[in-house]
Amino acid sequence: MNITKEKIDGVLTIKVEGRLDTATAPELSEVFDEALPGEDSLILDLAKLDYVSSAGLRVILGAHKKMMKKNGMKIVNSSEAVLEIFDITGFSDILDIG
């Protein structure tokens, strides 16, 4: 998995590439733990995310909960496969997916 961060106009964008699963979820969790405390808004770009497991969903939900206290988190560029996982799990009803 590859994770990149960039800040544009005061909004942090985190791009996740590859597979977000039990082996890689702790890495994304660590990125969130380090980056989110100082941020008001987050864009999570999943254009190159191939797969997300329940472990990855927990990490995404944790970031969502942290950002709800601020200006929120938006998920963008999800593939059809990832969108289907969000739909099946009910995450599409909880998360701001654009």
PDB file of N, CA and C in Angstrom:
ATOM      1  N   MET A   1       0.842  -1.171   0.000  1.00  0.00           N
ATOM      2  CA  MET A   1       0.000   0.000   0.000  1.00  0.00           C
ATOM      3  C   MET A   1       0.889   1.237   0.000  1.00  0.00           C
ATOM      4  N   ASN A   2       0.451   2.256  -0.707  1.00  0.00           N
ATOM      5  CA  ASN A   2       1.160   3.523  -0.767  1.00  0.00           C
ATOM      6  C   ASN A   2       0.216   4.627  -0.295  1.00  0.00           C
ATOM      7  N   ILE A   3       0.701   5.495   0.585  1.00  0.00           N
ATOM      8  CA  ILE A   3      -0.094   6.592   1.118  1.00  0.00           C
ATOM      9  C   ILE A   3       0.654   7.893   0.866  1.00  0.00           C
ATOM     10  N   THR A   4      -0.037   8.873   0.281  1.00  0.00           N
ATOM     11  CA  THR A   4       0.559  10.186   0.086  1.00  0.00           C
ATOM     12  C   THR A   4      -0.358  11.243   0.687  1.00  0.00           C
ATOM     13  N   LYS A   5       0.250  12.331   1.145  1.00  0.00           N
ATOM     14  CA  LYS A   5      -0.494  13.437   1.734  1.00  0.00           C
ATOM     15  C   LYS A   5      -0.131  14.719   1.011  1.00  0.00           C
ATOM     16  N   GLU A   6      -1.140  15.579   0.820  1.00  0.00           N
ATOM     17  CA  GLU A   6      -0.860  16.914   0.309  1.00  0.00           C
ATOM     18  C   GLU A   6      -1.922  17.849   0.852  1.00  0.00           C
ATOM     19  N   LYS A   7      -1.513  19.088   1.081  1.00  0.00           N
ATOM     20  CA  LYS A   7      -2.426  20.085   1.625  1.00  0.00           C
ATOM     21  C   LYS A   7      -2.588  21.192   0.597  1.00  0.00           C
ATOM     22  N   ILE A   8      -3.839  21.438   0.200  1.00  0.00           N
ATOM     23  CA  ILE A   8      -4.138  22.487  -0.773  1.00  0.00           C
ATOM     24  C   ILE A   8      -5.253  23.355  -0.204  1.00  0.00           C
ATOM     25  N   ASP A   9      -5.009  24.644  -0.162  1.00  0.00           N
ATOM     26  CA  ASP A   9      -5.995  25.602   0.357  1.00  0.00           C
ATOM     27  C   ASP A   9      -6.508  25.203   1.736  1.00  0.00           C
ATOM     28  N   GLY A  10      -5.632  24.726   2.591  1.00  0.00           N
ATOM     29  CA  GLY A  10      -5.988  24.396   3.961  1.00  0.00           C
ATOM     30  C   GLY A  10      -6.704  23.070   4.147  1.00  0.00           C
ATOM     31  N   VAL A  11      -6.848  22.281   3.080  1.00  0.00           N
ATOM     32  CA  VAL A  11      -7.524  20.989   3.181  1.00  0.00           C
ATOM     33  C   VAL A  11      -6.515  19.872   2.925  1.00  0.00           C
ATOM     34  N   LEU A  12      -6.430  18.952   3.860  1.00  0.00           N
ATOM     35  CA  LEU A  12      -5.529  17.819   3.720  1.00  0.00           C
ATOM     36  C   LEU A  12      -6.172  16.750   2.852  1.00  0.00           C
ATOM     37  N   THR A  13      -5.434  16.291   1.842  1.00  0.00           N
ATOM     38  CA  THR A  13      -5.861  15.168   1.017  1.00  0.00           C
ATOM     39  C   THR A  13      -4.901  14.015   1.266  1.00  0.00           C
ATOM     40  N   ILE A  14      -5.476  12.867   1.597  1.00  0.00           N
ATOM     41  CA  ILE A  14      -4.695  11.646   1.768  1.00  0.00           C
ATOM     42  C   ILE A  14      -5.126  10.686   0.679  1.00  0.00           C
ATOM     43  N   LYS A  15      -4.147  10.234  -0.119  1.00  0.00           N
ATOM     44  CA  LYS A  15      -4.396   9.299  -1.213  1.00  0.00           C
ATOM     45  C   LYS A  15      -3.895   7.921  -0.795  1.00  0.00           C
ATOM     46  N   VAL A  16      -4.759   6.921  -0.988  1.00  0.00           N
ATOM     47  CA  VAL A  16      -4.429   5.556  -0.610  1.00  0.00           C
ATOM     48  C   VAL A  16      -4.424   4.702  -1.874  1.00  0.00           C
ATOM     49  N   GLU A  17      -3.335   3.958  -2.049  1.00  0.00           N
ATOM     50  CA  GLU A  17      -3.158   3.147  -3.253  1.00  0.00           C
ATOM     51  C   GLU A  17      -2.857   1.705  -2.861  1.00  0.00           C
ATOM     52  N   GLY A  18      -3.494   0.760  -3.532  1.00  0.00           N
ATOM     53  CA  GLY A  18      -3.214  -0.656  -3.285  1.00  0.00           C
ATOM     54  C   GLY A  18      -4.340  -1.324  -2.530  1.00  0.00           C
ATOM     55  N   ARG A  19      -3.977  -2.123  -1.522  1.00  0.00           N
ATOM     56  CA  ARG A  19      -4.950  -2.876  -0.725  1.00  0.00           C
ATOM     57  C   ARG A  19      -4.934  -2.369   0.712  1.00  0.00           C
ATOM     58  N   LEU A  20      -6.114  -2.091   1.233  1.00  0.00           N
ATOM     59  CA  LEU A  20      -6.257  -1.676   2.628  1.00  0.00           C
ATOM     60  C   LEU A  20      -6.871  -2.860   3.372  1.00  0.00           C
ATOM     61  N   ASP A  21      -6.020  -3.618   4.044  1.00  0.00           N
ATOM     62  CA  ASP A  21      -6.459  -4.843   4.695  1.00  0.00           C
ATOM     63  C   ASP A  21      -5.817  -4.964   6.066  1.00  0.00           C
ATOM     64  N   THR A  22      -5.908  -6.130   6.650  1.00  0.00           N
ATOM     65  CA  THR A  22      -5.385  -6.347   8.002  1.00  0.00           C
ATOM     66  C   THR A  22      -3.902  -6.005   8.107  1.00  0.00           C
ATOM     67  N   ALA A  23      -3.146  -6.295   7.071  1.00  0.00           N
ATOM     68  CA  ALA A  23      -1.702  -6.039   7.096  1.00  0.00           C
ATOM     69  C   ALA A  23      -1.367  -4.564   6.940  1.00  0.00           C
ATOM     70  N   THR A  24      -2.190  -3.821   6.192  1.00  0.00           N
ATOM     71  CA  THR A  24      -1.842  -2.426   5.880  1.00  0.00           C
ATOM     72  C   THR A  24      -2.654  -1.390   6.655  1.00  0.00           C
ATOM     73  N   ALA A  25      -3.767  -1.792   7.256  1.00  0.00           N
ATOM     74  CA  ALA A  25      -4.613  -0.845   7.995  1.00  0.00           C
ATOM     75  C   ALA A  25      -3.862  -0.107   9.107  1.00  0.00           C
ATOM     76  N   PRO A  26      -2.974  -0.782   9.852  1.00  0.00           N
ATOM     77  CA  PRO A  26      -2.246  -0.053  10.895  1.00  0.00           C
ATOM     78  C   PRO A  26      -1.402   1.110  10.344  1.00  0.00           C
ATOM     79  N   GLU A  27      -0.891   0.962   9.139  1.00  0.00           N
ATOM     80  CA  GLU A  27      -0.106   2.036   8.523  1.00  0.00           C
ATOM     81  C   GLU A  27      -0.980   3.263   8.261  1.00  0.00           C
ATOM     82  N   LEU A  28      -2.175   3.055   7.724  1.00  0.00           N
ATOM     83  CA  LEU A  28      -3.083   4.185   7.483  1.00  0.00           C
ATOM     84  C   LEU A  28      -3.548   4.778   8.807  1.00  0.00           C
ATOM     85  N   SER A  29      -3.808   3.947   9.788  1.00  0.00           N
ATOM     86  CA  SER A  29      -4.204   4.424  11.109  1.00  0.00           C
ATOM     87  C   SER A  29      -3.142   5.342  11.702  1.00  0.00           C
ATOM     88  N   GLU A  30      -1.887   4.962  11.533  1.00  0.00           N
ATOM     89  CA  GLU A  30      -0.770   5.780  12.029  1.00  0.00           C
ATOM     90  C   GLU A  30      -0.713   7.123  11.310  1.00  0.00           C
ATOM     91  N   VAL A  31      -0.936   7.125  10.001  1.00  0.00           N
ATOM     92  CA  VAL A  31      -0.963   8.368   9.231  1.00  0.00           C
ATOM     93  C   VAL A  31      -2.084   9.265   9.751  1.00  0.00           C
ATOM     94  N   PHE A  32      -3.267   8.697   9.964  1.00  0.00           N
ATOM     95  CA  PHE A  32      -4.387   9.470  10.499  1.00  0.00           C
ATOM     96  C   PHE A  32      -4.055  10.021  11.885  1.00  0.00           C
ATOM     97  N   ASP A  33      -3.481   9.188  12.754  1.00  0.00           N
ATOM     98  CA  ASP A  33      -3.151   9.619  14.111  1.00  0.00           C
ATOM     99  C   ASP A  33      -2.186  10.794  14.118  1.00  0.00           C
ATOM    100  N   GLU A  34      -1.249  10.796  13.182  1.00  0.00           N
ATOM    101  CA  GLU A  34      -0.269  11.876  13.106  1.00  0.00           C
ATOM    102  C   GLU A  34      -0.829  13.127  12.439  1.00  0.00           C
ATOM    103  N   ALA A  35      -1.643  12.951  11.405  1.00  0.00           N
ATOM    104  CA  ALA A  35      -2.056  14.085  10.578  1.00  0.00           C
ATOM    105  C   ALA A  35      -3.341  14.767  11.033  1.00  0.00           C
ATOM    106  N   LEU A  36      -4.297  14.034  11.535  1.00  0.00           N
ATOM    107  CA  LEU A  36      -5.626  14.597  11.756  1.00  0.00           C
ATOM    108  C   LEU A  36      -5.760  15.577  12.914  1.00  0.00           C
ATOM    109  N   PRO A  37      -4.996  15.435  13.993  1.00  0.00           N
ATOM    110  CA  PRO A  37      -5.205  16.372  15.095  1.00  0.00           C
ATOM    111  C   PRO A  37      -5.086  17.854  14.705  1.00  0.00           C
ATOM    112  N   GLY A  38      -4.268  18.181  13.743  1.00  0.00           N
ATOM    113  CA  GLY A  38      -4.087  19.573  13.357  1.00  0.00           C
ATOM    114  C   GLY A  38      -4.912  20.007  12.165  1.00  0.00           C
ATOM    115  N   GLU A  39      -5.815  19.147  11.699  1.00  0.00           N
ATOM    116  CA  GLU A  39      -6.579  19.441  10.475  1.00  0.00           C
ATOM    117  C   GLU A  39      -8.053  19.671  10.771  1.00  0.00           C
ATOM    118  N   ASP A  40      -8.665  20.549   9.964  1.00  0.00           N
ATOM    119  CA  ASP A  40     -10.100  20.810  10.086  1.00  0.00           C
ATOM    120  C   ASP A  40     -10.918  20.038   9.069  1.00  0.00           C
ATOM    121  N   SER A  41     -10.321  19.735   7.909  1.00  0.00           N
ATOM    122  CA  SER A  41     -11.027  19.034   6.834  1.00  0.00           C
ATOM    123  C   SER A  41     -10.110  17.973   6.242  1.00  0.00           C
ATOM    124  N   LEU A  42     -10.721  16.894   5.767  1.00  0.00           N
ATOM    125  CA  LEU A  42      -9.954  15.812   5.165  1.00  0.00           C
ATOM    126  C   LEU A  42     -10.658  15.320   3.911  1.00  0.00           C
ATOM    127  N   ILE A  43      -9.877  15.144   2.865  1.00  0.00           N
ATOM    128  CA  ILE A  43     -10.336  14.452   1.669  1.00  0.00           C
ATOM    129  C   ILE A  43      -9.549  13.157   1.587  1.00  0.00           C
ATOM    130  N   LEU A  44     -10.273  12.056   1.485  1.00  0.00           N
ATOM    131  CA  LEU A  44      -9.651  10.741   1.354  1.00  0.00           C
ATOM    132  C   LEU A  44      -9.858  10.292  -0.081  1.00  0.00           C
ATOM    133  N   ASP A  45      -8.782  10.297  -0.857  1.00  0.00           N
ATOM    134  CA  ASP A  45      -8.828   9.971  -2.283  1.00  0.00           C
ATOM    135  C   ASP A  45      -8.501   8.486  -2.451  1.00  0.00           C
ATOM    136  N   LEU A  46      -9.495   7.734  -2.934  1.00  0.00           N
ATOM    137  CA  LEU A  46      -9.340   6.288  -3.064  1.00  0.00           C
ATOM    138  C   LEU A  46      -9.283   5.839  -4.519  1.00  0.00           C
ATOM    139  N   ALA A  47      -8.841   6.728  -5.404  1.00  0.00           N
ATOM    140  CA  ALA A  47      -8.808   6.424  -6.843  1.00  0.00           C
ATOM    141  C   ALA A  47      -8.011   5.160  -7.151  1.00  0.00           C
ATOM    142  N   LYS A  48      -6.953   4.916  -6.408  1.00  0.00           N
ATOM    143  CA  LYS A  48      -6.090   3.767  -6.700  1.00  0.00           C
ATOM    144  C   LYS A  48      -6.170   2.686  -5.626  1.00  0.00           C
ATOM    145  N   LEU A  49      -7.241   2.737  -4.822  1.00  0.00           N
ATOM    146  CA  LEU A  49      -7.456   1.689  -3.824  1.00  0.00           C
ATOM    147  C   LEU A  49      -8.184   0.531  -4.495  1.00  0.00           C
ATOM    148  N   ASP A  50      -7.564  -0.656  -4.461  1.00  0.00           N
ATOM    149  CA  ASP A  50      -8.113  -1.828  -5.127  1.00  0.00           C
ATOM    150  C   ASP A  50      -9.079  -2.622  -4.256  1.00  0.00           C
ATOM    151  N   TYR A  51      -8.840  -2.583  -2.941  1.00  0.00           N
ATOM    152  CA  TYR A  51      -9.599  -3.454  -2.041  1.00  0.00           C
ATOM    153  C   TYR A  51      -9.571  -2.857  -0.646  1.00  0.00           C
ATOM    154  N   VAL A  52     -10.674  -3.006   0.083  1.00  0.00           N
ATOM    155  CA  VAL A  52     -10.707  -2.606   1.491  1.00  0.00           C
ATOM    156  C   VAL A  52     -11.382  -3.713   2.292  1.00  0.00           C
ATOM    157  N   SER A  53     -10.733  -4.139   3.368  1.00  0.00           N
ATOM    158  CA  SER A  53     -11.272  -5.190   4.238  1.00  0.00           C
ATOM    159  C   SER A  53     -11.958  -4.552   5.436  1.00  0.00           C
ATOM    160  N   SER A  54     -12.483  -5.381   6.317  1.00  0.00           N
ATOM    161  CA  SER A  54     -13.125  -4.864   7.527  1.00  0.00           C
ATOM    162  C   SER A  54     -12.132  -4.082   8.389  1.00  0.00           C
ATOM    163  N   ALA A  55     -10.882  -4.495   8.397  1.00  0.00           N
ATOM    164  CA  ALA A  55      -9.864  -3.755   9.162  1.00  0.00           C
ATOM    165  C   ALA A  55      -9.675  -2.356   8.580  1.00  0.00           C
ATOM    166  N   GLY A  56      -9.673  -2.254   7.265  1.00  0.00           N
ATOM    167  CA  GLY A  56      -9.562  -0.961   6.613  1.00  0.00           C
ATOM    168  C   GLY A  56     -10.785  -0.095   6.858  1.00  0.00           C
ATOM    169  N   LEU A  57     -11.962  -0.728   6.840  1.00  0.00           N
ATOM    170  CA  LEU A  57     -13.199   0.013   7.115  1.00  0.00           C
ATOM    171  C   LEU A  57     -13.185   0.600   8.525  1.00  0.00           C
ATOM    172  N   ARG A  58     -12.663  -0.144   9.489  1.00  0.00           N
ATOM    173  CA  ARG A  58     -12.572   0.365  10.869  1.00  0.00           C
ATOM    174  C   ARG A  58     -11.692   1.607  10.934  1.00  0.00           C
ATOM    175  N   VAL A  59     -10.586   1.593  10.211  1.00  0.00           N
ATOM    176  CA  VAL A  59      -9.678   2.744  10.212  1.00  0.00           C
ATOM    177  C   VAL A  59     -10.358   3.952   9.566  1.00  0.00           C
ATOM    178  N   ILE A  60     -11.048   3.730   8.464  1.00  0.00           N
ATOM    179  CA  ILE A  60     -11.758   4.824   7.790  1.00  0.00           C
ATOM    180  C   ILE A  60     -12.857   5.377   8.693  1.00  0.00           C
ATOM    181  N   LEU A  61     -13.597   4.500   9.364  1.00  0.00           N
ATOM    182  CA  LEU A  61     -14.649   4.946  10.269  1.00  0.00           C
ATOM    183  C   LEU A  61     -14.066   5.745  11.436  1.00  0.00           C
ATOM    184  N   GLY A  62     -12.922   5.321  11.940  1.00  0.00           N
ATOM    185  CA  GLY A  62     -12.267   6.058  13.020  1.00  0.00           C
ATOM    186  C   GLY A  62     -11.890   7.471  12.599  1.00  0.00           C
ATOM    187  N   ALA A  63     -11.378   7.608  11.380  1.00  0.00           N
ATOM    188  CA  ALA A  63     -11.037   8.941  10.865  1.00  0.00           C
ATOM    189  C   ALA A  63     -12.296   9.771  10.686  1.00  0.00           C
ATOM    190  N   HIS A  64     -13.342   9.150  10.192  1.00  0.00           N
ATOM    191  CA  HIS A  64     -14.630   9.842  10.012  1.00  0.00           C
ATOM    192  C   HIS A  64     -15.122  10.398  11.348  1.00  0.00           C
ATOM    193  N   LYS A  65     -15.063   9.589  12.394  1.00  0.00           N
ATOM    194  CA  LYS A  65     -15.523  10.028  13.717  1.00  0.00           C
ATOM    195  C   LYS A  65     -14.700  11.205  14.232  1.00  0.00           C
ATOM    196  N   LYS A  66     -13.391  11.158  14.031  1.00  0.00           N
ATOM    197  CA  LYS A  66     -12.538  12.272  14.454  1.00  0.00           C
ATOM    198  C   LYS A  66     -12.865  13.547  13.687  1.00  0.00           C
ATOM    199  N   MET A  67     -13.095  13.410  12.395  1.00  0.00           N
ATOM    200  CA  MET A  67     -13.332  14.587  11.558  1.00  0.00           C
ATOM    201  C   MET A  67     -14.756  15.128  11.694  1.00  0.00           C
ATOM    202  N   MET A  68     -15.696  14.336  12.202  1.00  0.00           N
ATOM    203  CA  MET A  68     -17.062  14.821  12.423  1.00  0.00           C
ATOM    204  C   MET A  68     -17.082  15.968  13.420  1.00  0.00           C
ATOM    205  N   LYS A  69     -16.126  15.979  14.340  1.00  0.00           N
ATOM    206  CA  LYS A  69     -16.046  17.025  15.354  1.00  0.00           C
ATOM    207  C   LYS A  69     -15.508  18.320  14.761  1.00  0.00           C
ATOM    208  N   LYS A  70     -15.037  18.244  13.518  1.00  0.00           N
ATOM    209  CA  LYS A  70     -14.463  19.401  12.838  1.00  0.00           C
ATOM    210  C   LYS A  70     -15.304  19.698  11.604  1.00  0.00           C
ATOM    211  N   ASN A  71     -14.679  19.929  10.467  1.00  0.00           N
ATOM    212  CA  ASN A  71     -15.419  20.238   9.239  1.00  0.00           C
ATOM    213  C   ASN A  71     -15.714  19.014   8.384  1.00  0.00           C
ATOM    214  N   GLY A  72     -15.341  17.838   8.841  1.00  0.00           N
ATOM    215  CA  GLY A  72     -15.718  16.616   8.160  1.00  0.00           C
ATOM    216  C   GLY A  72     -14.663  16.001   7.266  1.00  0.00           C
ATOM    217  N   MET A  73     -15.049  14.852   6.711  1.00  0.00           N
ATOM    218  CA  MET A  73     -14.200  14.074   5.821  1.00  0.00           C
ATOM    219  C   MET A  73     -15.018  13.702   4.602  1.00  0.00           C
ATOM    220  N   LYS A  74     -14.427  13.834   3.443  1.00  0.00           N
ATOM    221  CA  LYS A  74     -15.093  13.450   2.194  1.00  0.00           C
ATOM    222  C   LYS A  74     -14.239  12.402   1.502  1.00  0.00           C
ATOM    223  N   ILE A  75     -14.889  11.361   1.011  1.00  0.00           N
ATOM    224  CA  ILE A  75     -14.208  10.317   0.247  1.00  0.00           C
ATOM    225  C   ILE A  75     -14.482  10.574  -1.225  1.00  0.00           C
ATOM    226  N   VAL A  76     -13.425  10.595  -2.024  1.00  0.00           N
ATOM    227  CA  VAL A  76     -13.564  10.863  -3.462  1.00  0.00           C
ATOM    228  C   VAL A  76     -12.878   9.776  -4.284  1.00  0.00           C
ATOM    229  N   ASN A  77     -13.312   9.661  -5.539  1.00  0.00           N
ATOM    230  CA  ASN A  77     -12.679   8.802  -6.546  1.00  0.00           C
ATOM    231  C   ASN A  77     -12.648   7.324  -6.197  1.00  0.00           C
ATOM    232  N   SER A  78     -13.658   6.831  -5.512  1.00  0.00           N
ATOM    233  CA  SER A  78     -13.696   5.407  -5.178  1.00  0.00           C
ATOM    234  C   SER A  78     -14.009   4.580  -6.422  1.00  0.00           C
ATOM    235  N   SER A  79     -13.359   3.438  -6.527  1.00  0.00           N
ATOM    236  CA  SER A  79     -13.638   2.517  -7.631  1.00  0.00           C
ATOM    237  C   SER A  79     -14.995   1.855  -7.396  1.00  0.00           C
ATOM    238  N   GLU A  80     -15.526   1.223  -8.421  1.00  0.00           N
ATOM    239  CA  GLU A  80     -16.800   0.508  -8.296  1.00  0.00           C
ATOM    240  C   GLU A  80     -16.702  -0.595  -7.235  1.00  0.00           C
ATOM    241  N   ALA A  81     -15.568  -1.287  -7.190  1.00  0.00           N
ATOM    242  CA  ALA A  81     -15.392  -2.373  -6.225  1.00  0.00           C
ATOM    243  C   ALA A  81     -15.439  -1.849  -4.790  1.00  0.00           C
ATOM    244  N   VAL A  82     -14.765  -0.732  -4.539  1.00  0.00           N
ATOM    245  CA  VAL A  82     -14.754  -0.146  -3.194  1.00  0.00           C
ATOM    246  C   VAL A  82     -16.130   0.426  -2.862  1.00  0.00           C
ATOM    247  N   LEU A  83     -16.783   1.068  -3.835  1.00  0.00           N
ATOM    248  CA  LEU A  83     -18.137   1.582  -3.606  1.00  0.00           C
ATOM    249  C   LEU A  83     -19.101   0.461  -3.249  1.00  0.00           C
ATOM    250  N   GLU A  84     -18.941  -0.688  -3.895  1.00  0.00           N
ATOM    251  CA  GLU A  84     -19.792  -1.832  -3.593  1.00  0.00           C
ATOM    252  C   GLU A  84     -19.595  -2.299  -2.157  1.00  0.00           C
ATOM    253  N   ILE A  85     -18.349  -2.308  -1.690  1.00  0.00           N
ATOM    254  CA  ILE A  85     -18.073  -2.685  -0.298  1.00  0.00           C
ATOM    255  C   ILE A  85     -18.720  -1.679   0.645  1.00  0.00           C
ATOM    256  N   PHE A  86     -18.613  -0.382   0.331  1.00  0.00           N
ATOM    257  CA  PHE A  86     -19.265   0.640   1.159  1.00  0.00           C
ATOM    258  C   PHE A  86     -20.775   0.433   1.191  1.00  0.00           C
ATOM    259  N   ASP A  87     -21.360   0.094   0.053  1.00  0.00           N
ATOM    260  CA  ASP A  87     -22.806  -0.125  -0.019  1.00  0.00           C
ATOM    261  C   ASP A  87     -23.230  -1.353   0.790  1.00  0.00           C
ATOM    262  N   ILE A  88     -22.530  -2.453   0.612  1.00  0.00           N
ATOM    263  CA  ILE A  88     -22.879  -3.707   1.289  1.00  0.00           C
ATOM    264  C   ILE A  88     -22.782  -3.562   2.803  1.00  0.00           C
ATOM    265  N   THR A  89     -21.789  -2.827   3.266  1.00  0.00           N
ATOM    266  CA  THR A  89     -21.563  -2.689   4.711  1.00  0.00           C
ATOM    267  C   THR A  89     -22.380  -1.561   5.337  1.00  0.00           C
ATOM    268  N   GLY A  90     -23.031  -0.761   4.514  1.00  0.00           N
ATOM    269  CA  GLY A  90     -23.795   0.372   5.042  1.00  0.00           C
ATOM    270  C   GLY A  90     -22.976   1.630   5.237  1.00  0.00           C
ATOM    271  N   PHE A  91     -21.701   1.565   4.904  1.00  0.00           N
ATOM    272  CA  PHE A  91     -20.842   2.725   5.071  1.00  0.00           C
ATOM    273  C   PHE A  91     -21.237   3.869   4.141  1.00  0.00           C
ATOM    274  N   SER A  92     -21.871   3.543   3.022  1.00  0.00           N
ATOM    275  CA  SER A  92     -22.284   4.600   2.103  1.00  0.00           C
ATOM    276  C   SER A  92     -23.370   5.477   2.715  1.00  0.00           C
ATOM    277  N   ASP A  93     -24.066   4.963   3.737  1.00  0.00           N
ATOM    278  CA  ASP A  93     -25.064   5.761   4.441  1.00  0.00           C
ATOM    279  C   ASP A  93     -24.442   6.645   5.509  1.00  0.00           C
ATOM    280  N   ILE A  94     -23.248   6.308   5.940  1.00  0.00           N
ATOM    281  CA  ILE A  94     -22.579   7.028   7.025  1.00  0.00           C
ATOM    282  C   ILE A  94     -21.584   8.061   6.496  1.00  0.00           C
ATOM    283  N   LEU A  95     -20.812   7.664   5.493  1.00  0.00           N
ATOM    284  CA  LEU A  95     -19.717   8.489   4.989  1.00  0.00           C
ATOM    285  C   LEU A  95     -20.190   9.455   3.902  1.00  0.00           C
ATOM    286  N   ASP A  96     -19.461  10.555   3.771  1.00  0.00           N
ATOM    287  CA  ASP A  96     -19.696  11.512   2.686  1.00  0.00           C
ATOM    288  C   ASP A  96     -18.852  11.058   1.498  1.00  0.00           C
ATOM    289  N   ILE A  97     -19.506  10.417   0.543  1.00  0.00           N
ATOM    290  CA  ILE A  97     -18.803   9.849  -0.602  1.00  0.00           C
ATOM    291  C   ILE A  97     -19.204  10.617  -1.842  1.00  0.00           C
ATOM    292  N   GLY A  98     -18.210  11.203  -2.515  1.00  0.00           N
ATOM    293  CA  GLY A  98     -18.513  11.990  -3.696  1.00  0.00           C
ATOM    294  C   GLY A  98     -17.774  11.503  -4.918  1.00  0.00           C
TER     295      GLY A  98
END
